Amino acid sequence: MCLAMPSKVVEILEGDMAVIELGGVKKTISLGLVEDVSAGDYVIVHVGYALSKVDEDEALKTLALFEEMTKAQGIAP
């Protein structure tokens, strides 16, 4: 099973690339499938590609739910 996660774009790079941050981890991804992305936007990321932009409120709600689930399962501190 694969899971796409909302992540915050922290830096736009050359060549349709960007740096995203998720849970304190930064990763370089491709923006080749999404238009008009700026630093501060949230995108849905799957296997190194941004698939779509997502509203910040919805992204934060989704991330909060994932954090709640991992804490309930004893995965997160």
N, C-alpha and C. Protein backbone atom coordinates (compact mmCIF):
# COMPACT_ATOMS: atom_id res chain seq x y z
N MET A 1 0.85 -1.18 0.00
CA MET A 1 0.00 0.00 0.00
C MET A 1 0.88 1.23 0.00
N CYS A 2 0.52 2.21 -0.80
CA CYS A 2 1.27 3.46 -0.86
C CYS A 2 0.43 4.57 -0.26
N LEU A 3 1.11 5.57 0.25
CA LEU A 3 0.43 6.65 0.93
C LEU A 3 1.01 7.98 0.47
N ALA A 4 0.15 8.88 0.03
CA ALA A 4 0.57 10.23 -0.35
C ALA A 4 0.30 11.16 0.83
N MET A 5 1.29 11.99 1.16
CA MET A 5 1.19 12.84 2.35
C MET A 5 1.25 14.32 1.97
N PRO A 6 0.46 15.16 2.66
CA PRO A 6 0.58 16.60 2.44
C PRO A 6 1.88 17.09 3.07
N SER A 7 2.61 17.91 2.33
CA SER A 7 3.90 18.41 2.78
C SER A 7 4.03 19.88 2.41
N LYS A 8 4.75 20.62 3.23
CA LYS A 8 4.93 22.06 2.99
C LYS A 8 6.14 22.30 2.11
N VAL A 9 5.96 23.11 1.08
CA VAL A 9 7.06 23.50 0.20
C VAL A 9 7.85 24.59 0.91
N VAL A 10 9.14 24.34 1.15
CA VAL A 10 9.95 25.32 1.85
C VAL A 10 10.90 26.07 0.92
N GLU A 11 11.16 25.51 -0.26
CA GLU A 11 12.04 26.18 -1.21
C GLU A 11 11.76 25.70 -2.62
N ILE A 12 11.72 26.64 -3.56
CA ILE A 12 11.57 26.30 -4.97
C ILE A 12 12.97 26.27 -5.59
N LEU A 13 13.28 25.21 -6.31
CA LEU A 13 14.57 25.04 -6.96
C LEU A 13 14.41 25.15 -8.47
N GLU A 14 15.51 25.14 -9.18
CA GLU A 14 15.47 25.17 -10.65
C GLU A 14 14.98 23.83 -11.18
N GLY A 15 14.50 23.86 -12.42
CA GLY A 15 14.12 22.62 -13.11
C GLY A 15 12.91 21.92 -12.54
N ASP A 16 11.88 22.67 -12.13
CA ASP A 16 10.64 22.07 -11.60
C ASP A 16 10.89 21.20 -10.36
N MET A 17 11.84 21.60 -9.54
CA MET A 17 12.14 20.88 -8.31
C MET A 17 11.86 21.78 -7.11
N ALA A 18 11.65 21.17 -5.95
CA ALA A 18 11.40 21.92 -4.73
C ALA A 18 11.87 21.12 -3.53
N VAL A 19 12.07 21.82 -2.43
CA VAL A 19 12.36 21.16 -1.15
C VAL A 19 11.08 21.23 -0.33
N ILE A 20 10.67 20.07 0.17
CA ILE A 20 9.49 20.00 1.04
C ILE A 20 9.93 19.58 2.43
N GLU A 21 9.05 19.84 3.41
CA GLU A 21 9.32 19.44 4.79
C GLU A 21 8.11 18.70 5.31
N LEU A 22 8.38 17.56 5.92
CA LEU A 22 7.32 16.76 6.53
C LEU A 22 7.86 16.15 7.81
N GLY A 23 7.31 16.53 8.93
CA GLY A 23 7.74 15.99 10.21
C GLY A 23 9.19 16.27 10.55
N GLY A 24 9.67 17.42 10.12
CA GLY A 24 11.05 17.80 10.40
C GLY A 24 12.06 17.27 9.40
N VAL A 25 11.61 16.47 8.45
CA VAL A 25 12.49 15.90 7.43
C VAL A 25 12.30 16.68 6.13
N LYS A 26 13.42 17.10 5.52
CA LYS A 26 13.36 17.80 4.25
C LYS A 26 13.78 16.86 3.13
N LYS A 27 13.12 17.02 1.98
CA LYS A 27 13.39 16.17 0.83
C LYS A 27 13.18 16.97 -0.44
N THR A 28 13.98 16.69 -1.44
CA THR A 28 13.81 17.32 -2.75
C THR A 28 12.85 16.48 -3.58
N ILE A 29 11.86 17.17 -4.17
CA ILE A 29 10.84 16.48 -4.97
C ILE A 29 10.66 17.20 -6.31
N SER A 30 9.94 16.57 -7.20
CA SER A 30 9.61 17.16 -8.50
C SER A 30 8.26 17.87 -8.44
N LEU A 31 8.21 19.04 -9.05
CA LEU A 31 6.95 19.77 -9.21
C LEU A 31 6.44 19.67 -10.65
N GLY A 32 7.00 18.76 -11.42
CA GLY A 32 6.67 18.64 -12.83
C GLY A 32 5.21 18.36 -13.14
N LEU A 33 4.45 17.85 -12.18
CA LEU A 33 3.04 17.51 -12.41
C LEU A 33 2.07 18.56 -11.89
N VAL A 34 2.59 19.62 -11.25
CA VAL A 34 1.74 20.63 -10.61
C VAL A 34 2.18 22.02 -11.04
N GLU A 35 1.22 22.89 -11.30
CA GLU A 35 1.53 24.26 -11.72
C GLU A 35 1.33 25.23 -10.57
N ASP A 36 2.01 26.37 -10.66
CA ASP A 36 1.81 27.51 -9.75
C ASP A 36 2.02 27.16 -8.28
N VAL A 37 3.11 26.49 -7.98
CA VAL A 37 3.44 26.18 -6.59
C VAL A 37 4.49 27.17 -6.10
N SER A 38 4.28 27.70 -4.90
CA SER A 38 5.21 28.65 -4.29
C SER A 38 5.64 28.13 -2.93
N ALA A 39 6.75 28.67 -2.44
CA ALA A 39 7.18 28.35 -1.08
C ALA A 39 6.06 28.71 -0.12
N GLY A 40 5.78 27.83 0.82
CA GLY A 40 4.69 28.03 1.77
C GLY A 40 3.43 27.27 1.41
N ASP A 41 3.30 26.86 0.15
CA ASP A 41 2.16 26.05 -0.27
C ASP A 41 2.29 24.63 0.27
N TYR A 42 1.17 23.94 0.36
CA TYR A 42 1.16 22.52 0.69
C TYR A 42 0.82 21.73 -0.56
N VAL A 43 1.52 20.62 -0.73
CA VAL A 43 1.28 19.74 -1.87
C VAL A 43 1.15 18.31 -1.36
N ILE A 44 0.41 17.50 -2.11
CA ILE A 44 0.33 16.07 -1.83
C ILE A 44 1.52 15.42 -2.53
N VAL A 45 2.36 14.71 -1.76
CA VAL A 45 3.59 14.13 -2.28
C VAL A 45 3.51 12.61 -2.25
N HIS A 46 3.89 12.00 -3.36
CA HIS A 46 3.94 10.54 -3.46
C HIS A 46 5.16 10.16 -4.28
N VAL A 47 5.99 9.31 -3.75
CA VAL A 47 7.22 8.80 -4.37
C VAL A 47 8.03 9.89 -5.08
N GLY A 48 8.21 11.02 -4.41
CA GLY A 48 9.08 12.07 -4.93
C GLY A 48 8.45 13.05 -5.88
N TYR A 49 7.15 12.97 -6.08
CA TYR A 49 6.44 13.89 -6.97
C TYR A 49 5.29 14.58 -6.24
N ALA A 50 5.16 15.87 -6.46
CA ALA A 50 3.97 16.58 -6.00
C ALA A 50 2.85 16.23 -6.98
N LEU A 51 1.73 15.74 -6.45
CA LEU A 51 0.61 15.35 -7.30
C LEU A 51 -0.42 16.46 -7.45
N SER A 52 -0.58 17.27 -6.39
CA SER A 52 -1.54 18.37 -6.44
C SER A 52 -1.28 19.31 -5.28
N LYS A 53 -1.78 20.53 -5.42
CA LYS A 53 -1.75 21.47 -4.31
C LYS A 53 -2.93 21.16 -3.41
N VAL A 54 -2.79 21.50 -2.12
CA VAL A 54 -3.86 21.26 -1.18
C VAL A 54 -3.96 22.47 -0.26
N ASP A 55 -5.18 22.78 0.14
CA ASP A 55 -5.44 23.88 1.04
C ASP A 55 -4.69 23.67 2.35
N GLU A 56 -4.09 24.74 2.90
CA GLU A 56 -3.30 24.63 4.13
C GLU A 56 -4.11 24.06 5.28
N ASP A 57 -5.34 24.53 5.46
CA ASP A 57 -6.18 24.03 6.56
C ASP A 57 -6.41 22.52 6.43
N GLU A 58 -6.71 22.05 5.23
CA GLU A 58 -6.93 20.62 5.02
C GLU A 58 -5.64 19.83 5.24
N ALA A 59 -4.53 20.38 4.80
CA ALA A 59 -3.24 19.70 4.99
C ALA A 59 -2.94 19.55 6.48
N LEU A 60 -3.14 20.62 7.24
CA LEU A 60 -2.85 20.58 8.67
C LEU A 60 -3.79 19.62 9.41
N LYS A 61 -5.06 19.58 9.00
CA LYS A 61 -5.99 18.62 9.60
C LYS A 61 -5.55 17.18 9.33
N THR A 62 -5.15 16.91 8.10
CA THR A 62 -4.71 15.57 7.72
C THR A 62 -3.47 15.17 8.50
N LEU A 63 -2.50 16.08 8.60
CA LEU A 63 -1.27 15.79 9.34
C LEU A 63 -1.56 15.55 10.82
N ALA A 64 -2.49 16.31 11.38
CA ALA A 64 -2.87 16.12 12.79
C ALA A 64 -3.50 14.74 13.00
N LEU A 65 -4.32 14.30 12.05
CA LEU A 65 -4.94 12.97 12.15
C LEU A 65 -3.89 11.87 12.10
N PHE A 66 -2.91 12.00 11.20
CA PHE A 66 -1.85 11.00 11.12
C PHE A 66 -1.04 10.97 12.41
N GLU A 67 -0.76 12.13 12.99
CA GLU A 67 -0.03 12.18 14.24
C GLU A 67 -0.82 11.51 15.36
N GLU A 68 -2.12 11.78 15.40
CA GLU A 68 -2.99 11.17 16.41
C GLU A 68 -3.00 9.64 16.27
N MET A 69 -3.08 9.16 15.02
CA MET A 69 -3.10 7.71 14.79
C MET A 69 -1.79 7.06 15.22
N THR A 70 -0.66 7.68 14.89
CA THR A 70 0.62 7.08 15.26
C THR A 70 0.84 7.08 16.76
N LYS A 71 0.39 8.14 17.43
CA LYS A 71 0.48 8.17 18.89
C LYS A 71 -0.39 7.09 19.52
N ALA A 72 -1.57 6.89 18.98
CA ALA A 72 -2.48 5.88 19.52
C ALA A 72 -1.91 4.46 19.35
N GLN A 73 -1.11 4.28 18.31
CA GLN A 73 -0.50 2.98 18.06
C GLN A 73 0.85 2.84 18.74
N GLY A 74 1.28 3.88 19.44
CA GLY A 74 2.56 3.85 20.14
C GLY A 74 3.75 3.99 19.23
N ILE A 75 3.54 4.52 18.02
CA ILE A 75 4.63 4.67 17.05
C ILE A 75 5.41 5.96 17.29
N ALA A 76 4.72 7.05 17.59
CA ALA A 76 5.37 8.35 17.75
C ALA A 76 5.59 8.63 19.23
N PRO A 77 6.59 9.46 19.52
CA PRO A 77 6.84 9.81 20.93
C PRO A 77 5.72 10.63 21.53
